[in-house]
Amino acid sequence: WCRSHRPKFLSGVISALLWSLSLL
């Protein structure tokens, strides 16, 4: 499932969201 269905950019988006939440 991770290889075929998970978007490749998901890790980057989640990391950016977590960093943004932390900054906020």
PDB file of all heavy atoms in Angstrom:
ATOM      1  N   TRP A   1       0.838  -1.206   0.000  1.00  0.00           N
ATOM      2  CA  TRP A   1       0.000   0.000   0.000  1.00  0.00           C
ATOM      3  C   TRP A   1       0.869   1.251   0.000  1.00  0.00           C
ATOM      4  O   TRP A   1       0.592   2.213  -0.721  1.00  0.00           O
ATOM      5  CB  TRP A   1      -0.923   0.008   1.215  1.00  0.00           C
ATOM      6  CG  TRP A   1      -1.754   1.256   1.281  1.00  0.00           C
ATOM      7  CD1 TRP A   1      -2.939   1.472   0.643  1.00  0.00           C
ATOM      8  CD2 TRP A   1      -1.439   2.460   1.980  1.00  0.00           C
ATOM      9  NE1 TRP A   1      -3.389   2.741   0.913  1.00  0.00           N
ATOM     10  CE2 TRP A   1      -2.485   3.374   1.730  1.00  0.00           C
ATOM     11  CE3 TRP A   1      -0.384   2.870   2.784  1.00  0.00           C
ATOM     12  CZ2 TRP A   1      -2.502   4.658   2.262  1.00  0.00           C
ATOM     13  CZ3 TRP A   1      -0.396   4.139   3.314  1.00  0.00           C
ATOM     14  CH2 TRP A   1      -1.448   5.020   3.053  1.00  0.00           C
ATOM     15  N   CYS A   2       1.918   1.248   0.816  1.00  0.00           N
ATOM     16  CA  CYS A   2       2.792   2.427   0.896  1.00  0.00           C
ATOM     17  C   CYS A   2       3.484   2.704  -0.429  1.00  0.00           C
ATOM     18  O   CYS A   2       3.646   3.851  -0.824  1.00  0.00           O
ATOM     19  CB  CYS A   2       3.845   2.254   1.997  1.00  0.00           C
ATOM     20  SG  CYS A   2       3.178   2.498   3.645  1.00  0.00           S
ATOM     21  N   ARG A   3       3.898   1.643  -1.118  1.00  0.00           N
ATOM     22  CA  ARG A   3       4.582   1.840  -2.400  1.00  0.00           C
ATOM     23  C   ARG A   3       3.643   2.284  -3.508  1.00  0.00           C
ATOM     24  O   ARG A   3       4.010   3.072  -4.366  1.00  0.00           O
ATOM     25  CB  ARG A   3       5.282   0.559  -2.824  1.00  0.00           C
ATOM     26  CG  ARG A   3       6.528   0.302  -2.051  1.00  0.00           C
ATOM     27  CD  ARG A   3       7.324  -0.846  -2.641  1.00  0.00           C
ATOM     28  NE  ARG A   3       8.331  -1.252  -1.691  1.00  0.00           N
ATOM     29  CZ  ARG A   3       8.504  -2.470  -1.259  1.00  0.00           C
ATOM     30  NH1 ARG A   3       7.738  -3.453  -1.712  1.00  0.00           N
ATOM     31  NH2 ARG A   3       9.433  -2.749  -0.381  1.00  0.00           N
ATOM     32  N   SER A   4       2.415   1.779  -3.486  1.00  0.00           N
ATOM     33  CA  SER A   4       1.540   2.051  -4.626  1.00  0.00           C
ATOM     34  C   SER A   4       0.502   3.148  -4.392  1.00  0.00           C
ATOM     35  O   SER A   4       0.096   3.809  -5.332  1.00  0.00           O
ATOM     36  CB  SER A   4       0.826   0.758  -5.056  1.00  0.00           C
ATOM     37  OG  SER A   4       0.069   0.243  -3.989  1.00  0.00           O
ATOM     38  N   HIS A   5       0.062   3.363  -3.161  1.00  0.00           N
ATOM     39  CA  HIS A   5      -1.047   4.303  -2.939  1.00  0.00           C
ATOM     40  C   HIS A   5      -0.676   5.559  -2.165  1.00  0.00           C
ATOM     41  O   HIS A   5      -1.359   6.558  -2.263  1.00  0.00           O
ATOM     42  CB  HIS A   5      -2.187   3.609  -2.199  1.00  0.00           C
ATOM     43  CG  HIS A   5      -2.855   2.519  -2.989  1.00  0.00           C
ATOM     44  ND1 HIS A   5      -2.455   2.126  -4.227  1.00  0.00           N
ATOM     45  CD2 HIS A   5      -3.910   1.728  -2.689  1.00  0.00           C
ATOM     46  CE1 HIS A   5      -3.221   1.153  -4.664  1.00  0.00           C
ATOM     47  NE2 HIS A   5      -4.113   0.879  -3.747  1.00  0.00           N
ATOM     48  N   ARG A   6       0.362   5.506  -1.362  1.00  0.00           N
ATOM     49  CA  ARG A   6       0.721   6.664  -0.557  1.00  0.00           C
ATOM     50  C   ARG A   6       1.395   7.707  -1.440  1.00  0.00           C
ATOM     51  O   ARG A   6       2.336   7.400  -2.158  1.00  0.00           O
ATOM     52  CB  ARG A   6       1.679   6.252   0.564  1.00  0.00           C
ATOM     53  CG  ARG A   6       1.933   7.352   1.567  1.00  0.00           C
ATOM     54  CD  ARG A   6       2.904   6.921   2.626  1.00  0.00           C
ATOM     55  NE  ARG A   6       4.242   6.686   2.142  1.00  0.00           N
ATOM     56  CZ  ARG A   6       5.113   7.649   1.869  1.00  0.00           C
ATOM     57  NH1 ARG A   6       4.801   8.895   2.013  1.00  0.00           N
ATOM     58  NH2 ARG A   6       6.315   7.344   1.439  1.00  0.00           N
ATOM     59  N   PRO A   7       0.899   8.940  -1.400  1.00  0.00           N
ATOM     60  CA  PRO A   7       1.528   9.992  -2.215  1.00  0.00           C
ATOM     61  C   PRO A   7       2.989  10.198  -1.820  1.00  0.00           C
ATOM     62  O   PRO A   7       3.333  10.167  -0.636  1.00  0.00           O
ATOM     63  CB  PRO A   7       0.707  11.242  -1.883  1.00  0.00           C
ATOM     64  CG  PRO A   7      -0.565  10.746  -1.300  1.00  0.00           C
ATOM     65  CD  PRO A   7      -0.262   9.428  -0.661  1.00  0.00           C
ATOM     66  N   LYS A   8       3.832  10.406  -2.802  1.00  0.00           N
ATOM     67  CA  LYS A   8       5.270  10.551  -2.557  1.00  0.00           C
ATOM     68  C   LYS A   8       5.589  11.795  -1.736  1.00  0.00           C
ATOM     69  O   LYS A   8       6.555  11.828  -0.997  1.00  0.00           O
ATOM     70  CB  LYS A   8       6.035  10.617  -3.888  1.00  0.00           C
ATOM     71  CG  LYS A   8       5.857   9.395  -4.750  1.00  0.00           C
ATOM     72  CD  LYS A   8       6.483   8.190  -4.117  1.00  0.00           C
ATOM     73  CE  LYS A   8       6.334   6.991  -5.032  1.00  0.00           C
ATOM     74  NZ  LYS A   8       6.284   5.752  -4.324  1.00  0.00           N
ATOM     75  N   PHE A   9       4.785  12.835  -1.860  1.00  0.00           N
ATOM     76  CA  PHE A   9       5.058  14.099  -1.183  1.00  0.00           C
ATOM     77  C   PHE A   9       4.450  14.160   0.215  1.00  0.00           C
ATOM     78  O   PHE A   9       4.589  15.156   0.911  1.00  0.00           O
ATOM     79  CB  PHE A   9       4.539  15.269  -2.017  1.00  0.00           C
ATOM     80  CG  PHE A   9       3.061  15.190  -2.291  1.00  0.00           C
ATOM     81  CD1 PHE A   9       2.136  15.704  -1.398  1.00  0.00           C
ATOM     82  CD2 PHE A   9       2.594  14.580  -3.451  1.00  0.00           C
ATOM     83  CE1 PHE A   9       0.779  15.621  -1.637  1.00  0.00           C
ATOM     84  CE2 PHE A   9       1.228  14.491  -3.710  1.00  0.00           C
ATOM     85  CZ  PHE A   9       0.325  15.015  -2.794  1.00  0.00           C
ATOM     86  N   LEU A  10       3.778  13.094   0.657  1.00  0.00           N
ATOM     87  CA  LEU A  10       3.068  13.113   1.937  1.00  0.00           C
ATOM     88  C   LEU A  10       4.003  13.401   3.122  1.00  0.00           C
ATOM     89  O   LEU A  10       3.671  14.186   4.006  1.00  0.00           O
ATOM     90  CB  LEU A  10       2.338  11.789   2.151  1.00  0.00           C
ATOM     91  CG  LEU A  10       1.456  11.703   3.393  1.00  0.00           C
ATOM     92  CD1 LEU A  10       0.338  12.741   3.332  1.00  0.00           C
ATOM     93  CD2 LEU A  10       0.870  10.308   3.525  1.00  0.00           C
ATOM     94  N   SER A  11       5.175  12.778   3.143  1.00  0.00           N
ATOM     95  CA  SER A  11       6.110  12.997   4.253  1.00  0.00           C
ATOM     96  C   SER A  11       6.536  14.454   4.332  1.00  0.00           C
ATOM     97  O   SER A  11       6.612  15.027   5.422  1.00  0.00           O
ATOM     98  CB  SER A  11       7.345  12.112   4.098  1.00  0.00           C
ATOM     99  OG  SER A  11       6.987  10.764   4.162  1.00  0.00           O
ATOM    100  N   GLY A  12       6.832  15.046   3.196  1.00  0.00           N
ATOM    101  CA  GLY A  12       7.231  16.453   3.168  1.00  0.00           C
ATOM    102  C   GLY A  12       6.121  17.382   3.629  1.00  0.00           C
ATOM    103  O   GLY A  12       6.358  18.334   4.380  1.00  0.00           O
ATOM    104  N   VAL A  13       4.893  17.095   3.206  1.00  0.00           N
ATOM    105  CA  VAL A  13       3.745  17.924   3.599  1.00  0.00           C
ATOM    106  C   VAL A  13       3.496  17.804   5.100  1.00  0.00           C
ATOM    107  O   VAL A  13       3.299  18.811   5.795  1.00  0.00           O
ATOM    108  CB  VAL A  13       2.481  17.527   2.794  1.00  0.00           C
ATOM    109  CG1 VAL A  13       1.240  18.176   3.358  1.00  0.00           C
ATOM    110  CG2 VAL A  13       2.657  17.890   1.326  1.00  0.00           C
ATOM    111  N   ILE A  14       3.531  16.583   5.623  1.00  0.00           N
ATOM    112  CA  ILE A  14       3.306  16.388   7.055  1.00  0.00           C
ATOM    113  C   ILE A  14       4.411  17.060   7.869  1.00  0.00           C
ATOM    114  O   ILE A  14       4.142  17.715   8.877  1.00  0.00           O
ATOM    115  CB  ILE A  14       3.176  14.889   7.393  1.00  0.00           C
ATOM    116  CG1 ILE A  14       1.851  14.365   6.835  1.00  0.00           C
ATOM    117  CG2 ILE A  14       3.266  14.648   8.891  1.00  0.00           C
ATOM    118  CD1 ILE A  14       1.655  12.881   6.968  1.00  0.00           C
ATOM    119  N   SER A  15       5.650  16.931   7.439  1.00  0.00           N
ATOM    120  CA  SER A  15       6.756  17.600   8.142  1.00  0.00           C
ATOM    121  C   SER A  15       6.580  19.107   8.130  1.00  0.00           C
ATOM    122  O   SER A  15       6.784  19.770   9.159  1.00  0.00           O
ATOM    123  CB  SER A  15       8.096  17.226   7.503  1.00  0.00           C
ATOM    124  OG  SER A  15       8.365  15.859   7.690  1.00  0.00           O
ATOM    125  N   ALA A  16       6.209  19.657   6.981  1.00  0.00           N
ATOM    126  CA  ALA A  16       5.994  21.108   6.893  1.00  0.00           C
ATOM    127  C   ALA A  16       4.851  21.558   7.803  1.00  0.00           C
ATOM    128  O   ALA A  16       4.952  22.594   8.471  1.00  0.00           O
ATOM    129  CB  ALA A  16       5.709  21.511   5.442  1.00  0.00           C
ATOM    130  N   LEU A  17       3.774  20.771   7.845  1.00  0.00           N
ATOM    131  CA  LEU A  17       2.657  21.102   8.732  1.00  0.00           C
ATOM    132  C   LEU A  17       3.067  21.045  10.209  1.00  0.00           C
ATOM    133  O   LEU A  17       2.694  21.918  10.996  1.00  0.00           O
ATOM    134  CB  LEU A  17       1.472  20.172   8.478  1.00  0.00           C
ATOM    135  CG  LEU A  17       0.718  20.390   7.171  1.00  0.00           C
ATOM    136  CD1 LEU A  17      -0.312  19.277   6.961  1.00  0.00           C
ATOM    137  CD2 LEU A  17       0.053  21.749   7.150  1.00  0.00           C
ATOM    138  N   LEU A  18       3.841  20.036  10.568  1.00  0.00           N
ATOM    139  CA  LEU A  18       4.284  19.920  11.957  1.00  0.00           C
ATOM    140  C   LEU A  18       5.227  21.062  12.343  1.00  0.00           C
ATOM    141  O   LEU A  18       5.129  21.619  13.439  1.00  0.00           O
ATOM    142  CB  LEU A  18       4.956  18.567  12.185  1.00  0.00           C
ATOM    143  CG  LEU A  18       4.025  17.368  12.173  1.00  0.00           C
ATOM    144  CD1 LEU A  18       4.814  16.069  12.228  1.00  0.00           C
ATOM    145  CD2 LEU A  18       3.045  17.435  13.330  1.00  0.00           C
ATOM    146  N   TRP A  19       6.141  21.418  11.450  1.00  0.00           N
ATOM    147  CA  TRP A  19       7.040  22.544  11.716  1.00  0.00           C
ATOM    148  C   TRP A  19       6.241  23.841  11.820  1.00  0.00           C
ATOM    149  O   TRP A  19       6.523  24.695  12.673  1.00  0.00           O
ATOM    150  CB  TRP A  19       8.109  22.667  10.632  1.00  0.00           C
ATOM    151  CG  TRP A  19       9.272  21.755  10.863  1.00  0.00           C
ATOM    152  CD1 TRP A  19       9.501  20.551  10.265  1.00  0.00           C
ATOM    153  CD2 TRP A  19      10.348  21.936  11.776  1.00  0.00           C
ATOM    154  NE1 TRP A  19      10.647  19.996  10.741  1.00  0.00           N
ATOM    155  CE2 TRP A  19      11.194  20.822  11.669  1.00  0.00           C
ATOM    156  CE3 TRP A  19      10.677  22.948  12.685  1.00  0.00           C
ATOM    157  CZ2 TRP A  19      12.353  20.689  12.424  1.00  0.00           C
ATOM    158  CZ3 TRP A  19      11.843  22.805  13.429  1.00  0.00           C
ATOM    159  CH2 TRP A  19      12.655  21.696  13.296  1.00  0.00           C
ATOM    160  N   SER A  20       5.241  24.001  10.953  1.00  0.00           N
ATOM    161  CA  SER A  20       4.405  25.209  11.006  1.00  0.00           C
ATOM    162  C   SER A  20       3.619  25.284  12.311  1.00  0.00           C
ATOM    163  O   SER A  20       3.531  26.350  12.933  1.00  0.00           O
ATOM    164  CB  SER A  20       3.426  25.238   9.823  1.00  0.00           C
ATOM    165  OG  SER A  20       4.128  25.237   8.613  1.00  0.00           O
ATOM    166  N   LEU A  21       3.044  24.164  12.736  1.00  0.00           N
ATOM    167  CA  LEU A  21       2.317  24.124  14.005  1.00  0.00           C
ATOM    168  C   LEU A  21       3.246  24.453  15.168  1.00  0.00           C
ATOM    169  O   LEU A  21       2.893  25.221  16.062  1.00  0.00           O
ATOM    170  CB  LEU A  21       1.668  22.749  14.202  1.00  0.00           C
ATOM    171  CG  LEU A  21       0.928  22.537  15.518  1.00  0.00           C
ATOM    172  CD1 LEU A  21      -0.279  23.471  15.627  1.00  0.00           C
ATOM    173  CD2 LEU A  21       0.500  21.085  15.644  1.00  0.00           C
ATOM    174  N   SER A  22       4.439  23.888  15.143  1.00  0.00           N
ATOM    175  CA  SER A  22       5.413  24.162  16.193  1.00  0.00           C
ATOM    176  C   SER A  22       5.807  25.640  16.207  1.00  0.00           C
ATOM    177  O   SER A  22       5.884  26.262  17.274  1.00  0.00           O
ATOM    178  CB  SER A  22       6.657  23.294  15.986  1.00  0.00           C
ATOM    179  OG  SER A  22       7.636  23.592  16.932  1.00  0.00           O
ATOM    180  N   LEU A  23       6.035  26.205  15.033  1.00  0.00           N
ATOM    181  CA  LEU A  23       6.381  27.627  14.936  1.00  0.00           C
ATOM    182  C   LEU A  23       5.238  28.496  15.453  1.00  0.00           C
ATOM    183  O   LEU A  23       5.463  29.442  16.222  1.00  0.00           O
ATOM    184  CB  LEU A  23       6.715  27.994  13.487  1.00  0.00           C
ATOM    185  CG  LEU A  23       7.088  29.441  13.235  1.00  0.00           C
ATOM    186  CD1 LEU A  23       8.385  29.797  13.954  1.00  0.00           C
ATOM    187  CD2 LEU A  23       7.228  29.690  11.747  1.00  0.00           C
ATOM    188  N   LEU A  24       4.019  28.147  15.086  1.00  0.00           N
ATOM    189  CA  LEU A  24       2.853  28.903  15.536  1.00  0.00           C
ATOM    190  C   LEU A  24       2.710  28.849  17.059  1.00  0.00           C
ATOM    191  O   LEU A  24       2.548  29.885  17.718  1.00  0.00           O
ATOM    192  CB  LEU A  24       1.582  28.368  14.877  1.00  0.00           C
ATOM    193  CG  LEU A  24       0.261  28.961  15.382  1.00  0.00           C
ATOM    194  CD1 LEU A  24       0.128  30.406  14.934  1.00  0.00           C
ATOM    195  CD2 LEU A  24      -0.903  28.131  14.916  1.00  0.00           C
TER     196      LEU A  24
END
